Amino acid sequence: MGSCDQEEKEVDYEGTQKLAKTFVALLWSFFISLGGGLTLVWWEFEYHPTNSQLWMVPFGLIMLVTPVIVCFSVFVSDICNSSSGQLSASLDDSVHHPV
């Protein structure tokens, strides 16, 4: 009985750790997108009337859209490469490293 309880605790800990890593990655993606959106809003109100500081527009757009594209591609890759129809709960399992 003791070894079975120990194994269940290890599995729960690993699952919790993977969930925490995924949550942190999604939180950072949200903050990067938020920074891009705020950059665009700042440019709109501060510099748009004079059309100065135009570098802020592509920079803000890249920061706004890139995390969404990355999350979507990881999700689709995880679906396409899942074994027996089950999705992986971790971003680590869905990234393929070159051999």
C-alpha atoms as a PDB file:
ATOM      1  CA  MET A   1       0.000   0.000   0.000  1.00  0.00           C
ATOM      2  CA  GLY A   2       2.745   2.442   0.863  1.00  0.00           C
ATOM      3  CA  SER A   3       4.473   2.157  -2.523  1.00  0.00           C
ATOM      4  CA  CYS A   4       1.201   2.679  -4.399  1.00  0.00           C
ATOM      5  CA  ASP A   5       0.470   5.861  -2.434  1.00  0.00           C
ATOM      6  CA  GLN A   6       4.019   7.074  -3.071  1.00  0.00           C
ATOM      7  CA  GLU A   7       3.655   6.491  -6.834  1.00  0.00           C
ATOM      8  CA  GLU A   8       0.344   8.347  -6.917  1.00  0.00           C
ATOM      9  CA  LYS A   9       1.915  11.321  -5.120  1.00  0.00           C
ATOM     10  CA  GLU A  10       4.814  11.354  -7.615  1.00  0.00           C
ATOM     11  CA  VAL A  11       2.425  11.274 -10.570  1.00  0.00           C
ATOM     12  CA  ASP A  12       0.320  14.071  -9.029  1.00  0.00           C
ATOM     13  CA  TYR A  13       3.459  16.143  -8.394  1.00  0.00           C
ATOM     14  CA  GLU A  14       4.689  15.671 -11.969  1.00  0.00           C
ATOM     15  CA  GLY A  15       1.276  16.590 -13.360  1.00  0.00           C
ATOM     16  CA  THR A  16       1.110  19.673 -11.162  1.00  0.00           C
ATOM     17  CA  GLN A  17       4.612  20.701 -12.171  1.00  0.00           C
ATOM     18  CA  LYS A  18       3.793  20.365 -15.890  1.00  0.00           C
ATOM     19  CA  LEU A  19       0.595  22.360 -15.404  1.00  0.00           C
ATOM     20  CA  ALA A  20       2.526  25.090 -13.573  1.00  0.00           C
ATOM     21  CA  LYS A  21       5.097  25.326 -16.386  1.00  0.00           C
ATOM     22  CA  THR A  22       2.337  25.615 -18.971  1.00  0.00           C
ATOM     23  CA  PHE A  23       0.578  28.291 -16.926  1.00  0.00           C
ATOM     24  CA  VAL A  24       3.791  30.322 -16.587  1.00  0.00           C
ATOM     25  CA  ALA A  25       4.437  30.104 -20.343  1.00  0.00           C
ATOM     26  CA  LEU A  26       0.910  31.286 -21.114  1.00  0.00           C
ATOM     27  CA  LEU A  27       1.207  34.096 -18.559  1.00  0.00           C
ATOM     28  CA  TRP A  28       4.428  35.351 -20.152  1.00  0.00           C
ATOM     29  CA  SER A  29       2.796  35.181 -23.584  1.00  0.00           C
ATOM     30  CA  PHE A  30      -0.087  37.280 -22.283  1.00  0.00           C
ATOM     31  CA  PHE A  31       2.297  39.886 -20.831  1.00  0.00           C
ATOM     32  CA  ILE A  32       4.232  40.125 -24.110  1.00  0.00           C
ATOM     33  CA  SER A  33       0.990  40.619 -26.055  1.00  0.00           C
ATOM     34  CA  LEU A  34      -0.149  43.194 -23.519  1.00  0.00           C
ATOM     35  CA  GLY A  35       3.140  45.069 -23.937  1.00  0.00           C
ATOM     36  CA  GLY A  36       2.670  45.111 -27.710  1.00  0.00           C
ATOM     37  CA  GLY A  37      -0.881  46.386 -27.400  1.00  0.00           C
ATOM     38  CA  LEU A  38       0.149  49.088 -24.948  1.00  0.00           C
ATOM     39  CA  THR A  39       2.967  50.148 -27.273  1.00  0.00           C
ATOM     40  CA  LEU A  40       0.454  50.581 -30.101  1.00  0.00           C
ATOM     41  CA  VAL A  41      -1.949  52.535 -27.878  1.00  0.00           C
ATOM     42  CA  TRP A  42       0.877  54.768 -26.659  1.00  0.00           C
ATOM     43  CA  TRP A  43       1.969  55.462 -30.245  1.00  0.00           C
ATOM     44  CA  GLU A  44      -1.642  56.203 -31.266  1.00  0.00           C
ATOM     45  CA  PHE A  45      -2.156  58.862 -28.627  1.00  0.00           C
ATOM     46  CA  GLU A  46       1.339  60.318 -28.423  1.00  0.00           C
ATOM     47  CA  TYR A  47       2.939  60.161 -31.873  1.00  0.00           C
ATOM     48  CA  HIS A  48       0.243  59.460 -34.472  1.00  0.00           C
ATOM     49  CA  PRO A  49      -0.778  63.110 -35.041  1.00  0.00           C
ATOM     50  CA  THR A  50       2.795  63.952 -36.121  1.00  0.00           C
ATOM     51  CA  ASN A  51       3.558  60.549 -37.727  1.00  0.00           C
ATOM     52  CA  SER A  52       6.799  60.307 -35.782  1.00  0.00           C
ATOM     53  CA  GLN A  53       8.344  57.312 -34.029  1.00  0.00           C
ATOM     54  CA  LEU A  54       6.993  54.979 -36.730  1.00  0.00           C
ATOM     55  CA  TRP A  55       9.264  52.152 -35.536  1.00  0.00           C
ATOM     56  CA  MET A  56       6.810  51.603 -32.676  1.00  0.00           C
ATOM     57  CA  VAL A  57       4.055  50.348 -35.005  1.00  0.00           C
ATOM     58  CA  PRO A  58       5.742  47.207 -36.415  1.00  0.00           C
ATOM     59  CA  PHE A  59       7.389  46.555 -33.047  1.00  0.00           C
ATOM     60  CA  GLY A  60       4.025  46.688 -31.281  1.00  0.00           C
ATOM     61  CA  LEU A  61       2.333  44.538 -33.925  1.00  0.00           C
ATOM     62  CA  ILE A  62       5.039  41.881 -33.715  1.00  0.00           C
ATOM     63  CA  MET A  63       4.830  41.785 -29.929  1.00  0.00           C
ATOM     64  CA  LEU A  64       1.030  41.681 -30.054  1.00  0.00           C
ATOM     65  CA  VAL A  65       0.639  38.852 -32.575  1.00  0.00           C
ATOM     66  CA  THR A  66       3.692  36.593 -32.131  1.00  0.00           C
ATOM     67  CA  PRO A  67       2.631  34.910 -28.843  1.00  0.00           C
ATOM     68  CA  VAL A  68      -0.772  34.075 -30.329  1.00  0.00           C
ATOM     69  CA  ILE A  69       0.843  32.450 -33.370  1.00  0.00           C
ATOM     70  CA  VAL A  70       3.308  30.488 -31.203  1.00  0.00           C
ATOM     71  CA  CYS A  71       0.553  29.201 -28.880  1.00  0.00           C
ATOM     72  CA  PHE A  72      -1.578  28.196 -31.861  1.00  0.00           C
ATOM     73  CA  SER A  73       1.298  26.358 -33.560  1.00  0.00           C
ATOM     74  CA  VAL A  74       2.222  24.485 -30.362  1.00  0.00           C
ATOM     75  CA  PHE A  75      -1.414  23.490 -29.872  1.00  0.00           C
ATOM     76  CA  VAL A  76      -1.791  22.233 -33.464  1.00  0.00           C
ATOM     77  CA  SER A  77       1.544  20.402 -33.280  1.00  0.00           C
ATOM     78  CA  ASP A  78       0.441  18.726 -30.074  1.00  0.00           C
ATOM     79  CA  ILE A  79      -2.822  17.585 -31.687  1.00  0.00           C
ATOM     80  CA  CYS A  80      -1.084  16.243 -34.790  1.00  0.00           C
ATOM     81  CA  ASN A  81       1.595  14.375 -32.847  1.00  0.00           C
ATOM     82  CA  SER A  82      -0.521  13.037 -29.996  1.00  0.00           C
ATOM     83  CA  SER A  83      -0.423   9.315 -29.426  1.00  0.00           C
ATOM     84  CA  SER A  84      -3.705   7.402 -29.111  1.00  0.00           C
ATOM     85  CA  GLY A  85      -5.736  10.616 -29.327  1.00  0.00           C
ATOM     86  CA  GLN A  86      -4.694  12.035 -25.956  1.00  0.00           C
ATOM     87  CA  LEU A  87      -3.316  15.566 -25.719  1.00  0.00           C
ATOM     88  CA  SER A  88      -0.125  16.233 -23.845  1.00  0.00           C
ATOM     89  CA  ALA A  89      -0.458  18.594 -20.892  1.00  0.00           C
ATOM     90  CA  SER A  90       2.995  20.075 -21.302  1.00  0.00           C
ATOM     91  CA  LEU A  91       4.645  22.375 -23.789  1.00  0.00           C
ATOM     92  CA  ASP A  92       7.907  20.448 -23.283  1.00  0.00           C
ATOM     93  CA  ASP A  93       6.464  17.302 -24.854  1.00  0.00           C
ATOM     94  CA  SER A  94       5.240  19.096 -27.967  1.00  0.00           C
ATOM     95  CA  VAL A  95       8.556  20.705 -28.934  1.00  0.00           C
ATOM     96  CA  HIS A  96      10.674  18.485 -31.162  1.00  0.00           C
ATOM     97  CA  HIS A  97      14.425  18.878 -30.843  1.00  0.00           C
ATOM     98  CA  PRO A  98      16.626  18.178 -33.858  1.00  0.00           C
ATOM     99  CA  VAL A  99      18.644  14.996 -33.650  1.00  0.00           C
END
